[in-house]
Amino acid sequence: MKQIILITGGARSGKSKHAEKLALTLSDNPVYLATARIWDDEFKQRVLRHQRDRGLEWTNLEEEKWLSSHSLTNRVVLIDCVTLWCTNFFFDLQADVDKLCKR
């Protein structure tokens, strides 16, 4: 059965770790679909550390906007983070909500 599980919470509240543990109970090789933009070297190092911490069982994909461009049929996918994903569209359109709604 296909399902979508949404995990919410505050910044740095453990959402990602909880989602990772859950995904590993559902699949031996889940996909981590990261939407964050790398804006500086410090953040890049944080991303690399998180990738190492996840382990080799994960398929790591980085996609700032076009999540559906990846073939992920019948895979367990953890999307991190939906808020950043939406923010990428918002900033690319210079916060013009009218343009955003027309897409």
C-alpha atoms as a PDB file:
ATOM      1  CA  MET A   1       0.000   0.000   0.000  1.00  0.00           C
ATOM      2  CA  LYS A   2       1.308   3.435  -0.959  1.00  0.00           C
ATOM      3  CA  GLN A   3       1.269   6.105   1.690  1.00  0.00           C
ATOM      4  CA  ILE A   4       2.537   9.565   2.476  1.00  0.00           C
ATOM      5  CA  ILE A   5       3.754  10.277   5.988  1.00  0.00           C
ATOM      6  CA  LEU A   6       4.257  13.928   6.935  1.00  0.00           C
ATOM      7  CA  ILE A   7       6.506  14.655   9.894  1.00  0.00           C
ATOM      8  CA  THR A   8       6.374  18.179  11.261  1.00  0.00           C
ATOM      9  CA  GLY A   9       8.097  20.030  14.061  1.00  0.00           C
ATOM     10  CA  GLY A  10      10.311  22.968  14.866  1.00  0.00           C
ATOM     11  CA  ALA A  11      13.740  23.694  13.437  1.00  0.00           C
ATOM     12  CA  ARG A  12      16.314  21.154  14.621  1.00  0.00           C
ATOM     13  CA  SER A  13      13.680  19.235  16.576  1.00  0.00           C
ATOM     14  CA  GLY A  14      14.748  15.818  15.303  1.00  0.00           C
ATOM     15  CA  LYS A  15      12.307  15.528  12.387  1.00  0.00           C
ATOM     16  CA  SER A  16      14.943  14.297   9.948  1.00  0.00           C
ATOM     17  CA  LYS A  17      16.411  11.693  12.309  1.00  0.00           C
ATOM     18  CA  HIS A  18      12.935  10.402  13.110  1.00  0.00           C
ATOM     19  CA  ALA A  19      12.066  10.246   9.398  1.00  0.00           C
ATOM     20  CA  GLU A  20      15.340   8.457   8.608  1.00  0.00           C
ATOM     21  CA  LYS A  21      14.680   5.784  11.237  1.00  0.00           C
ATOM     22  CA  LEU A  22      11.143   5.312   9.928  1.00  0.00           C
ATOM     23  CA  ALA A  23      12.300   5.076   6.302  1.00  0.00           C
ATOM     24  CA  LEU A  24      14.830   2.394   7.238  1.00  0.00           C
ATOM     25  CA  THR A  25      12.037   0.315   8.772  1.00  0.00           C
ATOM     26  CA  LEU A  26      10.208   0.495   5.436  1.00  0.00           C
ATOM     27  CA  SER A  27      13.126  -0.132   3.056  1.00  0.00           C
ATOM     28  CA  ASP A  28      16.673  -1.493   3.042  1.00  0.00           C
ATOM     29  CA  ASN A  29      17.656   1.162   0.486  1.00  0.00           C
ATOM     30  CA  PRO A  30      15.557   4.312   0.903  1.00  0.00           C
ATOM     31  CA  VAL A  31      16.083   7.502  -1.076  1.00  0.00           C
ATOM     32  CA  TYR A  32      17.033  10.743   0.657  1.00  0.00           C
ATOM     33  CA  LEU A  33      15.809  13.565  -1.583  1.00  0.00           C
ATOM     34  CA  ALA A  34      17.424  16.771  -0.323  1.00  0.00           C
ATOM     35  CA  THR A  35      15.955  20.087  -1.443  1.00  0.00           C
ATOM     36  CA  ALA A  36      18.263  22.523   0.373  1.00  0.00           C
ATOM     37  CA  ARG A  37      20.446  24.899  -1.584  1.00  0.00           C
ATOM     38  CA  ILE A  38      24.087  25.014  -0.620  1.00  0.00           C
ATOM     39  CA  TRP A  39      24.649  28.700   0.126  1.00  0.00           C
ATOM     40  CA  ASP A  40      28.119  28.599   1.720  1.00  0.00           C
ATOM     41  CA  ASP A  41      30.999  26.279   2.570  1.00  0.00           C
ATOM     42  CA  GLU A  42      29.886  25.820   6.178  1.00  0.00           C
ATOM     43  CA  PHE A  43      26.487  24.556   5.035  1.00  0.00           C
ATOM     44  CA  LYS A  44      28.163  22.336   2.428  1.00  0.00           C
ATOM     45  CA  GLN A  45      30.234  20.711   5.162  1.00  0.00           C
ATOM     46  CA  ARG A  46      27.082  20.171   7.227  1.00  0.00           C
ATOM     47  CA  VAL A  47      25.392  18.477   4.259  1.00  0.00           C
ATOM     48  CA  LEU A  48      28.424  16.219   3.674  1.00  0.00           C
ATOM     49  CA  ARG A  49      28.451  15.248   7.369  1.00  0.00           C
ATOM     50  CA  HIS A  50      24.751  14.368   7.240  1.00  0.00           C
ATOM     51  CA  GLN A  51      25.307  12.249   4.122  1.00  0.00           C
ATOM     52  CA  ARG A  52      28.128  10.329   5.835  1.00  0.00           C
ATOM     53  CA  ASP A  53      26.023   9.869   8.975  1.00  0.00           C
ATOM     54  CA  ARG A  54      23.178   8.327   6.962  1.00  0.00           C
ATOM     55  CA  GLY A  55      25.285   5.478   5.659  1.00  0.00           C
ATOM     56  CA  LEU A  56      25.664   3.564   2.419  1.00  0.00           C
ATOM     57  CA  GLU A  57      22.155   2.071   2.471  1.00  0.00           C
ATOM     58  CA  TRP A  58      20.764   5.441   1.384  1.00  0.00           C
ATOM     59  CA  THR A  59      20.509   6.714  -2.177  1.00  0.00           C
ATOM     60  CA  ASN A  60      21.227  10.438  -1.860  1.00  0.00           C
ATOM     61  CA  LEU A  61      19.704  12.806  -4.401  1.00  0.00           C
ATOM     62  CA  GLU A  62      19.857  16.583  -4.421  1.00  0.00           C
ATOM     63  CA  GLU A  63      17.010  18.359  -6.178  1.00  0.00           C
ATOM     64  CA  GLU A  64      16.153  21.953  -5.376  1.00  0.00           C
ATOM     65  CA  LYS A  65      12.873  22.115  -7.265  1.00  0.00           C
ATOM     66  CA  TRP A  66      11.893  19.427  -9.774  1.00  0.00           C
ATOM     67  CA  LEU A  67      11.265  16.433  -7.511  1.00  0.00           C
ATOM     68  CA  SER A  68       9.201  14.613 -10.129  1.00  0.00           C
ATOM     69  CA  SER A  69      12.128  14.550 -12.548  1.00  0.00           C
ATOM     70  CA  HIS A  70      13.520  11.520 -10.717  1.00  0.00           C
ATOM     71  CA  SER A  71      12.281   7.994 -11.310  1.00  0.00           C
ATOM     72  CA  LEU A  72      11.357   6.866  -7.813  1.00  0.00           C
ATOM     73  CA  THR A  73       8.514   4.441  -8.472  1.00  0.00           C
ATOM     74  CA  ASN A  74       8.139   1.843  -5.724  1.00  0.00           C
ATOM     75  CA  ARG A  75      10.883   3.443  -3.610  1.00  0.00           C
ATOM     76  CA  VAL A  76      10.671   4.756  -0.080  1.00  0.00           C
ATOM     77  CA  VAL A  77      11.580   8.440  -0.400  1.00  0.00           C
ATOM     78  CA  LEU A  78      12.361  10.877   2.386  1.00  0.00           C
ATOM     79  CA  ILE A  79      11.963  14.450   1.143  1.00  0.00           C
ATOM     80  CA  ASP A  80      13.920  16.868   3.296  1.00  0.00           C
ATOM     81  CA  CYS A  81      12.677  19.559   3.453  1.00  0.00           C
ATOM     82  CA  VAL A  82       9.311  20.567   1.973  1.00  0.00           C
ATOM     83  CA  THR A  83       9.642  24.060   3.445  1.00  0.00           C
ATOM     84  CA  LEU A  84      12.995  24.616   1.720  1.00  0.00           C
ATOM     85  CA  TRP A  85      11.604  23.126  -1.488  1.00  0.00           C
ATOM     86  CA  CYS A  86       8.782  25.699  -1.537  1.00  0.00           C
ATOM     87  CA  THR A  87      11.205  28.466  -0.571  1.00  0.00           C
ATOM     88  CA  ASN A  88      13.347  27.693  -3.632  1.00  0.00           C
ATOM     89  CA  PHE A  89      10.420  28.493  -5.942  1.00  0.00           C
ATOM     90  CA  PHE A  90       9.499  31.566  -3.929  1.00  0.00           C
ATOM     91  CA  PHE A  91      12.993  33.074  -4.103  1.00  0.00           C
ATOM     92  CA  ASP A  92      13.515  32.195  -7.767  1.00  0.00           C
ATOM     93  CA  LEU A  93      10.397  34.213  -8.575  1.00  0.00           C
ATOM     94  CA  GLN A  94      11.561  37.144  -6.424  1.00  0.00           C
ATOM     95  CA  ALA A  95       8.702  36.495  -3.979  1.00  0.00           C
ATOM     96  CA  ASP A  96       6.102  37.291  -6.654  1.00  0.00           C
ATOM     97  CA  VAL A  97       3.171  35.211  -5.413  1.00  0.00           C
ATOM     98  CA  ASP A  98       1.153  35.855  -8.579  1.00  0.00           C
ATOM     99  CA  LYS A  99       3.877  34.249 -10.710  1.00  0.00           C
ATOM    100  CA  LEU A 100       4.148  31.363  -8.300  1.00  0.00           C
ATOM    101  CA  CYS A 101       0.441  30.592  -8.488  1.00  0.00           C
ATOM    102  CA  LYS A 102       0.445  30.602 -12.316  1.00  0.00           C
ATOM    103  CA  ARG A 103       2.928  27.716 -12.585  1.00  0.00           C
END
